[in-house]
Amino acid sequence: GRWEAGLQIFSLMALNYVEFDTITLGAAISACKKGCAWNGALQLVRAVVQNEMEVDTITINAAVSACEEANKWEEALHLVSVISSRTLRADTNTMSPVIIACTARREWEQSLLAFRMMDR
């Protein structure tokens, strides 16, 4: 699919030391989301965290949303911890998909925890 081609381009950029930014990363994560490839979105975020690259809330929100669509509430909560460790602020756009994913899997306690985190 097209999302796979997008990830290949992103990988080629990294291999050829082409500098990319949060806009490029966000586009790649959004491509993963549209292709129902939540794991690809997570891999991109992990690579960014490992390499201590810049990441913004919008980029994390796209990855959280991809996890929500796949009902991967654990991964969505993990991404929220990435935001916290980067001193970014989780907003309603971050936490709503987490709550939806937790609720869909009947993880009521996690859903309530995510709701409480939104108030901080």
N, C-alpha and C. Protein backbone atom coordinates (compact mmCIF):
# COMPACT_ATOMS: atom_id res chain seq x y z
N GLY A 1 0.81 -1.19 0.00
CA GLY A 1 0.00 0.00 0.00
C GLY A 1 0.85 1.26 0.00
N ARG A 2 0.19 2.37 -0.04
CA ARG A 2 0.90 3.66 -0.07
C ARG A 2 1.63 3.95 1.23
N TRP A 3 1.06 3.49 2.36
CA TRP A 3 1.74 3.74 3.63
C TRP A 3 3.08 3.03 3.67
N GLU A 4 3.16 1.85 3.02
CA GLU A 4 4.43 1.12 2.98
C GLU A 4 5.47 1.90 2.18
N ALA A 5 5.04 2.49 1.08
CA ALA A 5 5.94 3.30 0.27
C ALA A 5 6.42 4.51 1.06
N GLY A 6 5.50 5.11 1.82
CA GLY A 6 5.87 6.24 2.66
C GLY A 6 6.92 5.88 3.69
N LEU A 7 6.77 4.71 4.30
CA LEU A 7 7.77 4.26 5.29
C LEU A 7 9.10 3.96 4.63
N GLN A 8 9.05 3.42 3.41
CA GLN A 8 10.30 3.16 2.70
C GLN A 8 11.04 4.46 2.40
N ILE A 9 10.32 5.46 2.00
CA ILE A 9 10.95 6.77 1.75
C ILE A 9 11.54 7.31 3.04
N PHE A 10 10.80 7.20 4.13
CA PHE A 10 11.29 7.67 5.43
C PHE A 10 12.56 6.93 5.82
N SER A 11 12.59 5.61 5.60
CA SER A 11 13.77 4.80 5.91
C SER A 11 14.96 5.21 5.05
N LEU A 12 14.70 5.45 3.77
CA LEU A 12 15.77 5.89 2.87
C LEU A 12 16.35 7.23 3.30
N MET A 13 15.47 8.11 3.77
CA MET A 13 15.94 9.40 4.26
C MET A 13 16.90 9.20 5.43
N ALA A 14 16.53 8.32 6.35
CA ALA A 14 17.37 8.07 7.52
C ALA A 14 18.69 7.42 7.11
N LEU A 15 18.64 6.46 6.20
CA LEU A 15 19.86 5.79 5.75
C LEU A 15 20.82 6.73 5.04
N ASN A 16 20.26 7.71 4.35
CA ASN A 16 21.09 8.65 3.61
C ASN A 16 21.36 9.93 4.38
N TYR A 17 21.09 9.88 5.67
CA TYR A 17 21.34 11.00 6.58
C TYR A 17 20.65 12.29 6.16
N VAL A 18 19.50 12.14 5.54
CA VAL A 18 18.69 13.31 5.20
C VAL A 18 17.98 13.74 6.46
N GLU A 19 18.09 15.00 6.78
CA GLU A 19 17.47 15.51 8.00
C GLU A 19 15.96 15.60 7.82
N PHE A 20 15.23 15.10 8.80
CA PHE A 20 13.78 15.23 8.76
C PHE A 20 13.31 15.83 10.06
N ASP A 21 12.10 16.34 10.04
CA ASP A 21 11.58 17.06 11.19
C ASP A 21 10.26 16.48 11.64
N THR A 22 9.61 17.17 12.56
CA THR A 22 8.34 16.66 13.09
C THR A 22 7.26 16.61 12.02
N ILE A 23 7.34 17.46 11.02
CA ILE A 23 6.35 17.44 9.94
C ILE A 23 6.52 16.16 9.12
N THR A 24 7.75 15.82 8.77
CA THR A 24 8.01 14.59 8.02
C THR A 24 7.61 13.38 8.84
N LEU A 25 7.98 13.38 10.11
CA LEU A 25 7.63 12.27 10.99
C LEU A 25 6.11 12.14 11.14
N GLY A 26 5.45 13.27 11.33
CA GLY A 26 3.99 13.26 11.44
C GLY A 26 3.33 12.72 10.20
N ALA A 27 3.86 13.06 9.04
CA ALA A 27 3.30 12.56 7.77
C ALA A 27 3.48 11.04 7.68
N ALA A 28 4.63 10.55 8.09
CA ALA A 28 4.88 9.10 8.04
C ALA A 28 3.96 8.37 9.01
N ILE A 29 3.77 8.93 10.20
CA ILE A 29 2.88 8.31 11.19
C ILE A 29 1.43 8.35 10.70
N SER A 30 1.03 9.45 10.12
CA SER A 30 -0.32 9.55 9.58
C SER A 30 -0.54 8.54 8.46
N ALA A 31 0.49 8.30 7.64
CA ALA A 31 0.38 7.30 6.59
C ALA A 31 0.18 5.92 7.20
N CYS A 32 0.88 5.64 8.29
CA CYS A 32 0.70 4.37 8.99
C CYS A 32 -0.72 4.25 9.53
N LYS A 33 -1.21 5.33 10.09
CA LYS A 33 -2.57 5.32 10.64
C LYS A 33 -3.59 5.02 9.54
N LYS A 34 -3.46 5.70 8.42
CA LYS A 34 -4.41 5.50 7.31
C LYS A 34 -4.32 4.09 6.74
N GLY A 35 -3.14 3.49 6.84
CA GLY A 35 -2.95 2.13 6.35
C GLY A 35 -3.20 1.07 7.41
N CYS A 36 -3.75 1.50 8.55
CA CYS A 36 -4.02 0.59 9.67
C CYS A 36 -2.75 -0.13 10.12
N ALA A 37 -1.64 0.57 10.07
CA ALA A 37 -0.35 0.00 10.44
C ALA A 37 0.14 0.65 11.74
N TRP A 38 -0.61 0.41 12.83
CA TRP A 38 -0.27 1.03 14.11
C TRP A 38 1.13 0.64 14.54
N ASN A 39 1.58 -0.57 14.20
CA ASN A 39 2.91 -1.00 14.61
C ASN A 39 3.99 -0.16 13.93
N GLY A 40 3.77 0.22 12.69
CA GLY A 40 4.71 1.10 12.00
C GLY A 40 4.80 2.45 12.67
N ALA A 41 3.65 2.97 13.11
CA ALA A 41 3.63 4.25 13.82
C ALA A 41 4.43 4.15 15.12
N LEU A 42 4.24 3.05 15.84
CA LEU A 42 4.99 2.86 17.09
C LEU A 42 6.49 2.74 16.82
N GLN A 43 6.85 2.03 15.77
CA GLN A 43 8.27 1.89 15.43
C GLN A 43 8.91 3.23 15.15
N LEU A 44 8.19 4.08 14.46
CA LEU A 44 8.72 5.42 14.17
C LEU A 44 8.92 6.22 15.45
N VAL A 45 7.95 6.17 16.34
CA VAL A 45 8.08 6.92 17.60
C VAL A 45 9.23 6.35 18.43
N ARG A 46 9.36 5.03 18.46
CA ARG A 46 10.48 4.42 19.21
C ARG A 46 11.82 4.86 18.66
N ALA A 47 11.94 4.91 17.33
CA ALA A 47 13.19 5.35 16.71
C ALA A 47 13.51 6.79 17.08
N VAL A 48 12.48 7.61 17.11
CA VAL A 48 12.67 9.02 17.47
C VAL A 48 13.15 9.14 18.92
N VAL A 49 12.51 8.39 19.80
CA VAL A 49 12.88 8.44 21.23
C VAL A 49 14.30 7.91 21.43
N GLN A 50 14.62 6.79 20.77
CA GLN A 50 15.96 6.20 20.89
C GLN A 50 17.04 7.16 20.43
N ASN A 51 16.77 7.86 19.36
CA ASN A 51 17.76 8.77 18.78
C ASN A 51 17.68 10.17 19.35
N GLU A 52 16.83 10.33 20.37
CA GLU A 52 16.66 11.60 21.07
C GLU A 52 16.36 12.75 20.11
N MET A 53 15.51 12.47 19.15
CA MET A 53 15.11 13.49 18.19
C MET A 53 13.95 14.29 18.75
N GLU A 54 13.69 15.42 18.12
CA GLU A 54 12.56 16.26 18.51
C GLU A 54 11.25 15.56 18.17
N VAL A 55 10.30 15.67 19.05
CA VAL A 55 8.97 15.15 18.81
C VAL A 55 7.99 16.13 19.44
N ASP A 56 6.84 16.30 18.81
CA ASP A 56 5.86 17.21 19.37
C ASP A 56 4.57 16.47 19.69
N THR A 57 3.68 17.15 20.37
CA THR A 57 2.42 16.54 20.78
C THR A 57 1.60 16.10 19.58
N ILE A 58 1.62 16.85 18.51
CA ILE A 58 0.84 16.50 17.31
C ILE A 58 1.31 15.16 16.75
N THR A 59 2.60 14.94 16.72
CA THR A 59 3.16 13.69 16.23
C THR A 59 2.75 12.53 17.11
N ILE A 60 2.86 12.72 18.42
CA ILE A 60 2.46 11.67 19.36
C ILE A 60 0.96 11.41 19.24
N ASN A 61 0.17 12.47 19.07
CA ASN A 61 -1.28 12.31 18.93
C ASN A 61 -1.62 11.42 17.74
N ALA A 62 -0.90 11.60 16.63
CA ALA A 62 -1.16 10.77 15.44
C ALA A 62 -0.86 9.30 15.74
N ALA A 63 0.23 9.04 16.47
CA ALA A 63 0.57 7.66 16.82
C ALA A 63 -0.43 7.08 17.82
N VAL A 64 -0.87 7.88 18.80
CA VAL A 64 -1.87 7.44 19.77
C VAL A 64 -3.17 7.10 19.04
N SER A 65 -3.54 7.92 18.09
CA SER A 65 -4.76 7.69 17.33
C SER A 65 -4.67 6.40 16.51
N ALA A 66 -3.50 6.11 15.96
CA ALA A 66 -3.30 4.86 15.22
C ALA A 66 -3.47 3.66 16.15
N CYS A 67 -2.96 3.77 17.36
CA CYS A 67 -3.11 2.69 18.34
C CYS A 67 -4.58 2.52 18.74
N GLU A 68 -5.27 3.63 18.90
CA GLU A 68 -6.69 3.58 19.28
C GLU A 68 -7.50 2.85 18.23
N GLU A 69 -7.24 3.14 16.97
CA GLU A 69 -7.99 2.50 15.89
C GLU A 69 -7.75 0.99 15.85
N ALA A 70 -6.60 0.56 16.37
CA ALA A 70 -6.28 -0.87 16.42
C ALA A 70 -6.62 -1.48 17.79
N ASN A 71 -7.26 -0.70 18.66
CA ASN A 71 -7.59 -1.13 20.03
C ASN A 71 -6.36 -1.56 20.82
N LYS A 72 -5.26 -0.90 20.62
CA LYS A 72 -4.01 -1.19 21.32
C LYS A 72 -3.83 -0.20 22.47
N TRP A 73 -4.63 -0.39 23.52
CA TRP A 73 -4.63 0.58 24.61
C TRP A 73 -3.31 0.61 25.36
N GLU A 74 -2.62 -0.54 25.50
CA GLU A 74 -1.34 -0.53 26.22
C GLU A 74 -0.32 0.35 25.51
N GLU A 75 -0.27 0.22 24.20
CA GLU A 75 0.67 1.01 23.42
C GLU A 75 0.31 2.50 23.47
N ALA A 76 -0.99 2.77 23.43
CA ALA A 76 -1.43 4.16 23.51
C ALA A 76 -1.01 4.77 24.85
N LEU A 77 -1.17 4.03 25.94
CA LEU A 77 -0.74 4.53 27.25
C LEU A 77 0.77 4.71 27.30
N HIS A 78 1.49 3.82 26.64
CA HIS A 78 2.95 3.95 26.61
C HIS A 78 3.35 5.27 25.92
N LEU A 79 2.66 5.59 24.85
CA LEU A 79 2.98 6.84 24.16
C LEU A 79 2.71 8.06 25.04
N VAL A 80 1.70 7.97 25.90
CA VAL A 80 1.44 9.05 26.85
C VAL A 80 2.63 9.21 27.79
N SER A 81 3.25 8.10 28.18
CA SER A 81 4.43 8.19 29.04
C SER A 81 5.60 8.82 28.30
N VAL A 82 5.66 8.61 26.98
CA VAL A 82 6.70 9.26 26.17
C VAL A 82 6.52 10.78 26.24
N ILE A 83 5.27 11.21 26.15
CA ILE A 83 4.99 12.65 26.24
C ILE A 83 5.45 13.19 27.58
N SER A 84 5.12 12.47 28.64
CA SER A 84 5.49 12.93 29.98
C SER A 84 7.00 13.01 30.14
N SER A 85 7.72 12.02 29.59
CA SER A 85 9.17 12.01 29.73
C SER A 85 9.83 13.11 28.90
N ARG A 86 9.13 13.64 27.93
CA ARG A 86 9.66 14.70 27.07
C ARG A 86 9.16 16.08 27.48
N THR A 87 8.55 16.16 28.62
CA THR A 87 7.96 17.41 29.13
C THR A 87 6.96 18.03 28.15
N LEU A 88 6.32 17.19 27.37
CA LEU A 88 5.24 17.65 26.52
C LEU A 88 3.94 17.48 27.30
N ARG A 89 2.94 18.19 26.90
CA ARG A 89 1.67 18.13 27.62
C ARG A 89 0.65 17.32 26.81
N ALA A 90 0.13 16.28 27.46
CA ALA A 90 -0.93 15.48 26.83
C ALA A 90 -2.21 16.31 26.87
N ASP A 91 -2.81 16.50 25.71
CA ASP A 91 -4.04 17.29 25.65
C ASP A 91 -5.24 16.38 25.39
N THR A 92 -6.38 16.97 25.16
CA THR A 92 -7.60 16.21 24.89
C THR A 92 -7.43 15.34 23.65
N ASN A 93 -6.73 15.85 22.64
CA ASN A 93 -6.50 15.08 21.42
C ASN A 93 -5.60 13.87 21.67
N THR A 94 -4.79 13.94 22.71
CA THR A 94 -3.93 12.82 23.08
C THR A 94 -4.72 11.78 23.86
N MET A 95 -5.47 12.24 24.85
CA MET A 95 -6.09 11.32 25.80
C MET A 95 -7.41 10.73 25.32
N SER A 96 -8.14 11.43 24.49
CA SER A 96 -9.42 10.89 24.01
C SER A 96 -9.26 9.54 23.31
N PRO A 97 -8.30 9.39 22.37
CA PRO A 97 -8.13 8.07 21.75
C PRO A 97 -7.70 7.00 22.75
N VAL A 98 -6.93 7.39 23.76
CA VAL A 98 -6.51 6.43 24.79
C VAL A 98 -7.74 5.93 25.54
N ILE A 99 -8.60 6.86 25.93
CA ILE A 99 -9.83 6.50 26.65
C ILE A 99 -10.72 5.61 25.79
N ILE A 100 -10.85 5.94 24.52
CA ILE A 100 -11.67 5.14 23.61
C ILE A 100 -11.10 3.73 23.48
N ALA A 101 -9.78 3.62 23.31
CA ALA A 101 -9.15 2.30 23.17
C ALA A 101 -9.32 1.47 24.44
N CYS A 102 -9.14 2.10 25.59
CA CYS A 102 -9.30 1.39 26.87
C CYS A 102 -10.74 0.94 27.06
N THR A 103 -11.67 1.80 26.73
CA THR A 103 -13.09 1.48 26.89
C THR A 103 -13.49 0.35 25.95
N ALA A 104 -13.00 0.38 24.72
CA ALA A 104 -13.33 -0.67 23.75
C ALA A 104 -12.87 -2.04 24.23
N ARG A 105 -11.79 -2.07 24.98
CA ARG A 105 -11.26 -3.34 25.50
C ARG A 105 -11.75 -3.63 26.92
N ARG A 106 -12.70 -2.80 27.37
CA ARG A 106 -13.28 -2.94 28.72
C ARG A 106 -12.23 -2.82 29.83
N GLU A 107 -11.27 -1.97 29.58
CA GLU A 107 -10.23 -1.66 30.57
C GLU A 107 -10.67 -0.39 31.30
N TRP A 108 -11.68 -0.56 32.15
CA TRP A 108 -12.32 0.58 32.80
C TRP A 108 -11.36 1.36 33.69
N GLU A 109 -10.53 0.66 34.46
CA GLU A 109 -9.59 1.36 35.35
C GLU A 109 -8.59 2.19 34.55
N GLN A 110 -8.10 1.62 33.46
CA GLN A 110 -7.15 2.35 32.61
C GLN A 110 -7.83 3.54 31.94
N SER A 111 -9.08 3.37 31.57
CA SER A 111 -9.84 4.45 30.96
C SER A 111 -10.01 5.60 31.94
N LEU A 112 -10.33 5.26 33.17
CA LEU A 112 -10.48 6.28 34.21
C LEU A 112 -9.15 6.96 34.51
N LEU A 113 -8.07 6.18 34.54
CA LEU A 113 -6.74 6.75 34.76
C LEU A 113 -6.40 7.74 33.65
N ALA A 114 -6.67 7.36 32.41
CA ALA A 114 -6.40 8.26 31.28
C ALA A 114 -7.23 9.53 31.39
N PHE A 115 -8.48 9.38 31.80
CA PHE A 115 -9.34 10.55 31.98
C PHE A 115 -8.78 11.49 33.04
N ARG A 116 -8.30 10.92 34.13
CA ARG A 116 -7.70 11.74 35.19
C ARG A 116 -6.42 12.43 34.73
N MET A 117 -5.66 11.76 33.90
CA MET A 117 -4.42 12.34 33.39
C MET A 117 -4.69 13.56 32.52
N MET A 118 -5.85 13.59 31.89
CA MET A 118 -6.22 14.69 31.02
C MET A 118 -6.39 15.98 31.81
N ASP A 119 -6.73 15.86 33.06
CA ASP A 119 -7.02 17.02 33.89
C ASP A 119 -5.76 17.71 34.42
N ARG A 120 -4.62 17.09 34.25
CA ARG A 120 -3.38 17.63 34.83
C ARG A 120 -2.85 18.83 34.10
